Amino acid sequence: MPPMPLKPPPTSLLDRYTGDVIQPVYTARVRVTGGEAEHARASGVARSDDGNLDVQLRLPAELGGEGGGTNPEQLFAAGYAACFHGALCLLAARSGIAIGGASVDVAVTFARDPMDGLYLLSADLTIALPGVERAQAEQLVRNTERFCPYAKMARHGINSVITLAPDRC
């Protein structure tokens, strides 16, 4: 029997939530270990708890590494692009705008921060909407920018809690 065809999510995901507290919908869990060099960026492994993500992490040649695997910037760019594309498709569907062939390119740059001398990330997105009138495309992209959780995170930050695991005896 052939597999069921994949379908986009329902546009009901666009419906506003009116609760008083954050309502979790889905949580991804990934563990990264250091690998051969005992350093995640150089030789790490990233695995999700469900086994669907299992990638070798490697330091890119531009940072002095050997390459040959993915890196955090690529993973972040992929997540940002996928989320923005998905939000774009949902908003277009709800508005009755056909956006076949739409694409989202994301460039994530790991850079030195002149403010504190350490590091920062920046992201540049380029959205292609072939066949969509320019003014309509611009409005759709701006609405998506307000809706997409990755775009909101990039603009306003993210809730983040860092905890040291308890010692194991």
N, C-alpha and C. Protein backbone atom coordinates (compact mmCIF):
# COMPACT_ATOMS: atom_id res chain seq x y z
N MET A 1 0.84 -1.17 0.00
CA MET A 1 0.00 0.00 0.00
C MET A 1 0.90 1.25 0.00
N PRO A 2 0.62 2.20 -0.90
CA PRO A 2 1.45 3.41 -0.95
C PRO A 2 1.24 4.26 0.30
N PRO A 3 2.28 5.01 0.70
CA PRO A 3 2.13 5.86 1.90
C PRO A 3 1.12 6.97 1.64
N MET A 4 0.52 7.43 2.71
CA MET A 4 -0.43 8.55 2.61
C MET A 4 0.32 9.79 2.17
N PRO A 5 -0.26 10.57 1.26
CA PRO A 5 0.42 11.80 0.83
C PRO A 5 0.52 12.80 1.99
N LEU A 6 1.62 13.51 2.03
CA LEU A 6 1.82 14.52 3.07
C LEU A 6 0.89 15.70 2.81
N LYS A 7 0.38 16.27 3.88
CA LYS A 7 -0.53 17.40 3.78
C LYS A 7 -0.01 18.54 4.63
N PRO A 8 -0.29 19.78 4.21
CA PRO A 8 0.11 20.91 5.06
C PRO A 8 -0.76 20.95 6.31
N PRO A 9 -0.29 21.65 7.33
CA PRO A 9 -1.10 21.77 8.54
C PRO A 9 -2.34 22.62 8.27
N PRO A 10 -3.34 22.52 9.14
CA PRO A 10 -4.56 23.30 8.94
C PRO A 10 -4.33 24.78 9.23
N THR A 11 -5.07 25.62 8.52
CA THR A 11 -4.94 27.07 8.77
C THR A 11 -5.47 27.45 10.14
N SER A 12 -6.12 26.52 10.84
CA SER A 12 -6.58 26.82 12.21
C SER A 12 -5.39 27.11 13.13
N LEU A 13 -4.18 26.74 12.72
CA LEU A 13 -2.99 27.11 13.50
C LEU A 13 -2.82 28.62 13.57
N LEU A 14 -3.49 29.34 12.68
CA LEU A 14 -3.41 30.80 12.68
C LEU A 14 -4.36 31.43 13.71
N ASP A 15 -5.29 30.64 14.25
CA ASP A 15 -6.25 31.19 15.21
C ASP A 15 -5.52 31.69 16.45
N ARG A 16 -5.93 32.83 16.93
CA ARG A 16 -5.29 33.45 18.10
C ARG A 16 -5.61 32.68 19.38
N TYR A 17 -4.63 32.60 20.24
CA TYR A 17 -4.78 32.00 21.57
C TYR A 17 -5.10 33.13 22.54
N THR A 18 -6.01 32.91 23.47
CA THR A 18 -6.43 33.97 24.38
C THR A 18 -6.16 33.64 25.84
N GLY A 19 -5.30 32.69 26.11
CA GLY A 19 -5.00 32.33 27.50
C GLY A 19 -4.12 33.35 28.18
N ASP A 20 -3.91 33.15 29.48
CA ASP A 20 -3.10 34.06 30.29
C ASP A 20 -1.66 33.62 30.45
N VAL A 21 -1.37 32.37 30.12
CA VAL A 21 -0.01 31.84 30.27
C VAL A 21 0.41 31.15 28.97
N ILE A 22 1.71 30.96 28.81
CA ILE A 22 2.21 30.26 27.64
C ILE A 22 1.62 28.86 27.63
N GLN A 23 1.10 28.44 26.47
CA GLN A 23 0.51 27.11 26.33
C GLN A 23 1.41 26.28 25.42
N PRO A 24 2.20 25.35 25.97
CA PRO A 24 3.06 24.52 25.12
C PRO A 24 2.23 23.71 24.12
N VAL A 25 2.73 23.63 22.90
CA VAL A 25 2.07 22.86 21.85
C VAL A 25 2.94 21.68 21.44
N TYR A 26 4.24 21.87 21.40
CA TYR A 26 5.18 20.82 21.00
C TYR A 26 6.55 21.18 21.58
N THR A 27 7.28 20.18 22.04
CA THR A 27 8.64 20.38 22.55
C THR A 27 9.58 19.43 21.84
N ALA A 28 10.61 19.97 21.21
CA ALA A 28 11.66 19.15 20.60
C ALA A 28 12.77 18.97 21.64
N ARG A 29 13.31 17.77 21.70
CA ARG A 29 14.40 17.49 22.63
C ARG A 29 15.57 16.91 21.86
N VAL A 30 16.72 17.56 22.01
CA VAL A 30 17.94 17.13 21.32
C VAL A 30 19.08 17.11 22.33
N ARG A 31 19.88 16.07 22.28
CA ARG A 31 21.09 15.99 23.11
C ARG A 31 22.29 16.09 22.19
N VAL A 32 23.25 16.91 22.59
CA VAL A 32 24.52 17.04 21.86
C VAL A 32 25.62 16.55 22.77
N THR A 33 26.49 15.70 22.22
CA THR A 33 27.68 15.23 22.93
C THR A 33 28.91 15.64 22.14
N GLY A 34 30.07 15.55 22.77
CA GLY A 34 31.29 16.09 22.18
C GLY A 34 32.00 15.25 21.16
N GLY A 35 31.73 13.96 21.09
CA GLY A 35 32.38 13.12 20.10
C GLY A 35 33.87 12.95 20.33
N GLU A 36 34.57 12.60 19.27
CA GLU A 36 35.99 12.25 19.33
C GLU A 36 36.86 13.34 19.94
N ALA A 37 36.63 14.59 19.58
CA ALA A 37 37.44 15.70 20.11
C ALA A 37 36.92 16.22 21.44
N GLU A 38 35.81 15.59 21.95
CA GLU A 38 35.19 16.05 23.19
C GLU A 38 34.78 17.52 23.09
N HIS A 39 34.38 17.95 21.89
CA HIS A 39 33.98 19.34 21.63
C HIS A 39 32.88 19.31 20.58
N ALA A 40 31.68 19.70 20.95
CA ALA A 40 30.52 19.54 20.07
C ALA A 40 30.70 20.23 18.72
N ARG A 41 31.27 21.42 18.68
CA ARG A 41 31.42 22.11 17.38
C ARG A 41 32.43 21.42 16.48
N ALA A 42 33.40 20.75 17.08
CA ALA A 42 34.45 20.11 16.29
C ALA A 42 34.11 18.68 15.88
N SER A 43 33.45 17.94 16.77
CA SER A 43 33.21 16.52 16.47
C SER A 43 31.95 15.98 17.13
N GLY A 44 31.01 16.85 17.43
CA GLY A 44 29.84 16.44 18.18
C GLY A 44 28.83 15.62 17.40
N VAL A 45 27.87 15.11 18.15
CA VAL A 45 26.73 14.39 17.58
C VAL A 45 25.49 15.01 18.19
N ALA A 46 24.51 15.31 17.34
CA ALA A 46 23.22 15.83 17.80
C ALA A 46 22.15 14.79 17.49
N ARG A 47 21.44 14.35 18.54
CA ARG A 47 20.39 13.34 18.36
C ARG A 47 19.13 13.78 19.07
N SER A 48 18.01 13.66 18.38
CA SER A 48 16.73 13.95 19.01
C SER A 48 16.26 12.74 19.79
N ASP A 49 15.40 12.98 20.77
CA ASP A 49 14.91 11.88 21.60
C ASP A 49 14.06 10.89 20.82
N ASP A 50 13.49 11.32 19.68
CA ASP A 50 12.69 10.39 18.87
C ASP A 50 13.50 9.72 17.77
N GLY A 51 14.79 10.07 17.66
CA GLY A 51 15.67 9.46 16.67
C GLY A 51 15.57 10.01 15.27
N ASN A 52 14.69 10.97 15.03
CA ASN A 52 14.54 11.52 13.68
C ASN A 52 15.66 12.46 13.28
N LEU A 53 16.35 13.02 14.25
CA LEU A 53 17.52 13.84 13.97
C LEU A 53 18.73 13.12 14.53
N ASP A 54 19.72 12.87 13.70
CA ASP A 54 20.95 12.21 14.12
C ASP A 54 22.03 12.69 13.18
N VAL A 55 22.73 13.76 13.57
CA VAL A 55 23.70 14.38 12.67
C VAL A 55 25.06 14.53 13.34
N GLN A 56 26.08 14.45 12.49
CA GLN A 56 27.45 14.70 12.91
C GLN A 56 27.71 16.20 12.81
N LEU A 57 28.20 16.78 13.90
CA LEU A 57 28.55 18.19 13.91
C LEU A 57 30.04 18.34 13.63
N ARG A 58 30.37 19.28 12.78
CA ARG A 58 31.77 19.52 12.46
C ARG A 58 32.01 21.01 12.36
N LEU A 59 33.19 21.42 12.78
CA LEU A 59 33.61 22.81 12.68
C LEU A 59 33.88 23.13 11.21
N PRO A 60 33.23 24.18 10.67
CA PRO A 60 33.47 24.51 9.26
C PRO A 60 34.92 24.95 9.03
N ALA A 61 35.39 24.76 7.83
CA ALA A 61 36.77 25.15 7.47
C ALA A 61 37.02 26.63 7.77
N GLU A 62 35.99 27.46 7.61
CA GLU A 62 36.15 28.90 7.86
C GLU A 62 36.47 29.21 9.32
N LEU A 63 36.17 28.25 10.22
CA LEU A 63 36.49 28.42 11.63
C LEU A 63 37.68 27.57 12.06
N GLY A 64 38.40 27.02 11.07
CA GLY A 64 39.59 26.24 11.35
C GLY A 64 39.36 24.75 11.46
N GLY A 65 38.17 24.29 11.12
CA GLY A 65 37.87 22.88 11.22
C GLY A 65 38.05 22.14 9.91
N GLU A 66 37.70 20.86 9.96
CA GLU A 66 37.82 20.00 8.79
C GLU A 66 36.57 20.01 7.92
N GLY A 67 35.45 20.51 8.44
CA GLY A 67 34.19 20.42 7.71
C GLY A 67 33.71 18.97 7.72
N GLY A 68 32.88 18.61 6.75
CA GLY A 68 32.44 17.23 6.64
C GLY A 68 31.21 16.89 7.45
N GLY A 69 30.58 17.86 8.06
CA GLY A 69 29.34 17.64 8.80
C GLY A 69 28.60 18.95 8.89
N THR A 70 27.48 18.94 9.55
CA THR A 70 26.72 20.18 9.68
C THR A 70 27.21 20.95 10.90
N ASN A 71 26.66 22.13 11.11
CA ASN A 71 27.07 22.96 12.24
C ASN A 71 25.84 23.70 12.78
N PRO A 72 25.96 24.29 13.96
CA PRO A 72 24.81 24.95 14.57
C PRO A 72 24.18 26.03 13.69
N GLU A 73 25.01 26.77 12.96
CA GLU A 73 24.47 27.84 12.11
C GLU A 73 23.60 27.27 10.99
N GLN A 74 24.02 26.17 10.39
CA GLN A 74 23.22 25.53 9.35
C GLN A 74 21.91 25.00 9.92
N LEU A 75 21.98 24.39 11.11
CA LEU A 75 20.77 23.86 11.73
C LEU A 75 19.80 24.99 12.06
N PHE A 76 20.30 26.09 12.58
CA PHE A 76 19.45 27.24 12.89
C PHE A 76 18.85 27.82 11.61
N ALA A 77 19.67 27.95 10.55
CA ALA A 77 19.17 28.48 9.28
C ALA A 77 18.07 27.58 8.72
N ALA A 78 18.25 26.27 8.81
CA ALA A 78 17.23 25.33 8.31
C ALA A 78 15.94 25.47 9.11
N GLY A 79 16.03 25.55 10.42
CA GLY A 79 14.85 25.71 11.25
C GLY A 79 14.12 27.01 10.97
N TYR A 80 14.88 28.10 10.86
CA TYR A 80 14.29 29.42 10.60
C TYR A 80 13.60 29.41 9.24
N ALA A 81 14.28 28.89 8.22
CA ALA A 81 13.71 28.87 6.87
C ALA A 81 12.44 28.02 6.82
N ALA A 82 12.48 26.85 7.46
CA ALA A 82 11.31 25.96 7.44
C ALA A 82 10.13 26.59 8.16
N CYS A 83 10.38 27.21 9.30
CA CYS A 83 9.30 27.83 10.07
C CYS A 83 8.71 29.01 9.30
N PHE A 84 9.57 29.85 8.74
CA PHE A 84 9.08 31.02 8.00
C PHE A 84 8.29 30.58 6.78
N HIS A 85 8.80 29.58 6.06
CA HIS A 85 8.10 29.06 4.88
C HIS A 85 6.73 28.51 5.28
N GLY A 86 6.68 27.75 6.37
CA GLY A 86 5.42 27.19 6.82
C GLY A 86 4.41 28.26 7.20
N ALA A 87 4.87 29.28 7.93
CA ALA A 87 3.98 30.38 8.31
C ALA A 87 3.51 31.14 7.08
N LEU A 88 4.42 31.35 6.14
CA LEU A 88 4.08 32.02 4.89
C LEU A 88 2.98 31.26 4.15
N CYS A 89 3.12 29.95 4.07
CA CYS A 89 2.12 29.13 3.37
C CYS A 89 0.77 29.18 4.06
N LEU A 90 0.76 29.12 5.40
CA LEU A 90 -0.50 29.19 6.13
C LEU A 90 -1.20 30.52 5.90
N LEU A 91 -0.46 31.62 6.01
CA LEU A 91 -1.06 32.94 5.81
C LEU A 91 -1.55 33.12 4.37
N ALA A 92 -0.78 32.61 3.42
CA ALA A 92 -1.19 32.71 2.02
C ALA A 92 -2.47 31.91 1.79
N ALA A 93 -2.53 30.70 2.34
CA ALA A 93 -3.72 29.86 2.17
C ALA A 93 -4.95 30.53 2.76
N ARG A 94 -4.80 31.09 3.95
CA ARG A 94 -5.93 31.76 4.59
C ARG A 94 -6.39 32.97 3.78
N SER A 95 -5.46 33.62 3.08
CA SER A 95 -5.79 34.80 2.27
C SER A 95 -6.18 34.44 0.85
N GLY A 96 -6.11 33.16 0.51
CA GLY A 96 -6.46 32.74 -0.85
C GLY A 96 -5.41 33.11 -1.88
N ILE A 97 -4.17 33.22 -1.46
CA ILE A 97 -3.07 33.57 -2.37
C ILE A 97 -2.30 32.31 -2.73
N ALA A 98 -2.20 32.01 -4.01
CA ALA A 98 -1.43 30.85 -4.46
C ALA A 98 0.05 31.20 -4.48
N ILE A 99 0.85 30.42 -3.74
CA ILE A 99 2.29 30.71 -3.69
C ILE A 99 3.12 29.49 -4.06
N GLY A 100 2.65 28.72 -5.04
CA GLY A 100 3.44 27.57 -5.50
C GLY A 100 4.82 28.03 -5.93
N GLY A 101 5.82 27.27 -5.58
CA GLY A 101 7.20 27.62 -5.93
C GLY A 101 7.84 28.61 -4.98
N ALA A 102 7.15 28.94 -3.89
CA ALA A 102 7.74 29.87 -2.91
C ALA A 102 8.98 29.25 -2.30
N SER A 103 9.96 30.08 -1.99
CA SER A 103 11.16 29.60 -1.30
C SER A 103 11.64 30.63 -0.30
N VAL A 104 12.33 30.14 0.72
CA VAL A 104 12.92 30.99 1.75
C VAL A 104 14.39 30.60 1.87
N ASP A 105 15.26 31.54 1.59
CA ASP A 105 16.70 31.34 1.77
C ASP A 105 17.11 32.08 3.04
N VAL A 106 17.85 31.41 3.90
CA VAL A 106 18.33 32.03 5.14
C VAL A 106 19.85 31.90 5.20
N ALA A 107 20.50 33.01 5.45
CA ALA A 107 21.94 33.03 5.68
C ALA A 107 22.16 33.40 7.15
N VAL A 108 22.72 32.50 7.92
CA VAL A 108 23.04 32.76 9.32
C VAL A 108 24.54 32.97 9.42
N THR A 109 24.94 34.10 9.99
CA THR A 109 26.34 34.45 10.11
C THR A 109 26.77 34.42 11.57
N PHE A 110 27.85 33.70 11.84
CA PHE A 110 28.51 33.66 13.14
C PHE A 110 29.58 34.73 13.06
N ALA A 111 29.52 35.73 13.94
CA ALA A 111 30.41 36.89 13.80
C ALA A 111 30.93 37.36 15.15
N ARG A 112 31.95 38.20 15.09
CA ARG A 112 32.47 38.85 16.29
C ARG A 112 31.59 40.04 16.60
N ASP A 113 31.31 40.22 17.90
CA ASP A 113 30.43 41.29 18.37
C ASP A 113 31.26 42.47 18.85
N PRO A 114 31.17 43.63 18.18
CA PRO A 114 31.97 44.78 18.61
C PRO A 114 31.50 45.37 19.95
N MET A 115 30.29 45.01 20.39
CA MET A 115 29.78 45.54 21.66
C MET A 115 30.49 44.93 22.87
N ASP A 116 30.73 43.61 22.83
CA ASP A 116 31.36 42.98 23.99
C ASP A 116 32.61 42.19 23.64
N GLY A 117 32.99 42.18 22.35
CA GLY A 117 34.18 41.47 21.94
C GLY A 117 34.00 39.97 21.81
N LEU A 118 32.77 39.47 22.03
CA LEU A 118 32.53 38.04 21.96
C LEU A 118 31.90 37.68 20.62
N TYR A 119 30.80 36.98 20.61
CA TYR A 119 30.20 36.51 19.35
C TYR A 119 28.72 36.83 19.29
N LEU A 120 28.20 36.82 18.07
CA LEU A 120 26.78 36.99 17.85
C LEU A 120 26.38 36.25 16.58
N LEU A 121 25.08 36.08 16.42
CA LEU A 121 24.53 35.52 15.19
C LEU A 121 23.68 36.58 14.53
N SER A 122 23.70 36.59 13.21
CA SER A 122 22.76 37.42 12.46
C SER A 122 22.14 36.53 11.39
N ALA A 123 20.94 36.90 10.98
CA ALA A 123 20.23 36.12 9.97
C ALA A 123 19.67 37.05 8.91
N ASP A 124 19.84 36.68 7.66
CA ASP A 124 19.28 37.41 6.53
C ASP A 124 18.38 36.45 5.77
N LEU A 125 17.14 36.86 5.57
CA LEU A 125 16.16 36.04 4.85
C LEU A 125 15.85 36.66 3.51
N THR A 126 15.73 35.82 2.50
CA THR A 126 15.29 36.24 1.16
C THR A 126 14.14 35.33 0.78
N ILE A 127 13.00 35.95 0.52
CA ILE A 127 11.79 35.19 0.20
C ILE A 127 11.46 35.39 -1.27
N ALA A 128 11.25 34.30 -1.98
CA ALA A 128 10.85 34.35 -3.39
C ALA A 128 9.40 33.88 -3.50
N LEU A 129 8.57 34.70 -4.10
CA LEU A 129 7.16 34.38 -4.32
C LEU A 129 6.83 34.57 -5.80
N PRO A 130 7.28 33.64 -6.64
CA PRO A 130 7.05 33.80 -8.08
C PRO A 130 5.57 33.85 -8.41
N GLY A 131 5.23 34.79 -9.28
CA GLY A 131 3.85 34.91 -9.75
C GLY A 131 2.94 35.71 -8.83
N VAL A 132 3.44 36.20 -7.69
CA VAL A 132 2.62 36.99 -6.79
C VAL A 132 2.96 38.46 -7.01
N GLU A 133 1.92 39.27 -7.17
CA GLU A 133 2.11 40.71 -7.39
C GLU A 133 2.92 41.30 -6.25
N ARG A 134 3.85 42.19 -6.54
CA ARG A 134 4.84 42.69 -5.59
C ARG A 134 4.22 43.25 -4.30
N ALA A 135 3.24 44.12 -4.40
CA ALA A 135 2.63 44.72 -3.21
C ALA A 135 1.98 43.65 -2.33
N GLN A 136 1.33 42.69 -2.96
CA GLN A 136 0.69 41.60 -2.22
C GLN A 136 1.75 40.72 -1.55
N ALA A 137 2.84 40.46 -2.27
CA ALA A 137 3.94 39.66 -1.73
C ALA A 137 4.58 40.37 -0.53
N GLU A 138 4.79 41.67 -0.64
CA GLU A 138 5.39 42.42 0.47
C GLU A 138 4.51 42.37 1.71
N GLN A 139 3.20 42.53 1.52
CA GLN A 139 2.28 42.46 2.66
C GLN A 139 2.30 41.07 3.29
N LEU A 140 2.31 40.04 2.47
CA LEU A 140 2.34 38.67 2.96
C LEU A 140 3.61 38.40 3.76
N VAL A 141 4.75 38.88 3.26
CA VAL A 141 6.02 38.69 3.97
C VAL A 141 6.01 39.44 5.30
N ARG A 142 5.50 40.68 5.33
CA ARG A 142 5.44 41.45 6.58
C ARG A 142 4.52 40.77 7.60
N ASN A 143 3.38 40.25 7.13
CA ASN A 143 2.48 39.54 8.04
C ASN A 143 3.14 38.27 8.57
N THR A 144 3.87 37.58 7.71
CA THR A 144 4.58 36.37 8.13
C THR A 144 5.66 36.71 9.15
N GLU A 145 6.33 37.82 8.95
CA GLU A 145 7.37 38.24 9.88
C GLU A 145 6.79 38.47 11.28
N ARG A 146 5.57 38.95 11.37
CA ARG A 146 4.91 39.17 12.66
C ARG A 146 4.42 37.85 13.27
N PHE A 147 4.10 36.87 12.44
CA PHE A 147 3.51 35.62 12.89
C PHE A 147 4.54 34.53 13.20
N CYS A 148 5.59 34.42 12.40
CA CYS A 148 6.57 33.33 12.52
C CYS A 148 7.30 33.37 13.86
N PRO A 149 7.25 32.28 14.65
CA PRO A 149 7.93 32.27 15.95
C PRO A 149 9.44 32.50 15.85
N TYR A 150 10.08 32.03 14.79
CA TYR A 150 11.52 32.26 14.64
C TYR A 150 11.80 33.74 14.40
N ALA A 151 10.97 34.38 13.58
CA ALA A 151 11.15 35.81 13.33
C ALA A 151 10.91 36.61 14.61
N LYS A 152 9.90 36.19 15.39
CA LYS A 152 9.64 36.86 16.66
C LYS A 152 10.83 36.67 17.61
N MET A 153 11.40 35.48 17.64
CA MET A 153 12.55 35.20 18.48
C MET A 153 13.74 36.06 18.05
N ALA A 154 13.96 36.16 16.76
CA ALA A 154 15.09 36.94 16.26
C ALA A 154 14.92 38.42 16.59
N ARG A 155 13.70 38.89 16.62
CA ARG A 155 13.41 40.30 16.88
C ARG A 155 13.38 40.61 18.38
N HIS A 156 12.80 39.72 19.19
CA HIS A 156 12.57 40.03 20.59
C HIS A 156 13.33 39.16 21.58
N GLY A 157 14.04 38.16 21.11
CA GLY A 157 14.72 37.23 22.01
C GLY A 157 13.84 36.02 22.28
N ILE A 158 14.30 35.16 23.16
CA ILE A 158 13.60 33.91 23.45
C ILE A 158 13.65 33.66 24.95
N ASN A 159 12.58 33.09 25.49
CA ASN A 159 12.63 32.64 26.87
C ASN A 159 13.63 31.49 26.93
N SER A 160 14.60 31.60 27.83
CA SER A 160 15.64 30.58 27.91
C SER A 160 16.00 30.37 29.37
N VAL A 161 15.98 29.12 29.79
CA VAL A 161 16.37 28.76 31.14
C VAL A 161 17.55 27.80 31.03
N ILE A 162 18.64 28.11 31.68
CA ILE A 162 19.84 27.25 31.66
C ILE A 162 20.02 26.68 33.05
N THR A 163 20.06 25.35 33.13
CA THR A 163 20.13 24.65 34.41
C THR A 163 21.27 23.64 34.38
N LEU A 164 22.02 23.57 35.43
CA LEU A 164 23.04 22.54 35.57
C LEU A 164 22.37 21.27 36.05
N ALA A 165 22.60 20.17 35.32
CA ALA A 165 22.01 18.88 35.71
C ALA A 165 22.54 18.46 37.06
N PRO A 166 21.72 17.75 37.84
CA PRO A 166 22.21 17.27 39.15
C PRO A 166 23.33 16.26 38.96
N ASP A 167 24.22 16.21 39.94
CA ASP A 167 25.30 15.21 39.91
C ASP A 167 24.70 13.81 39.92
N ARG A 168 25.33 12.93 39.20
CA ARG A 168 24.88 11.52 39.19
C ARG A 168 25.82 10.70 40.04
N CYS A 169 25.27 9.94 40.94
CA CYS A 169 26.12 9.12 41.82
C CYS A 169 26.27 7.73 41.28
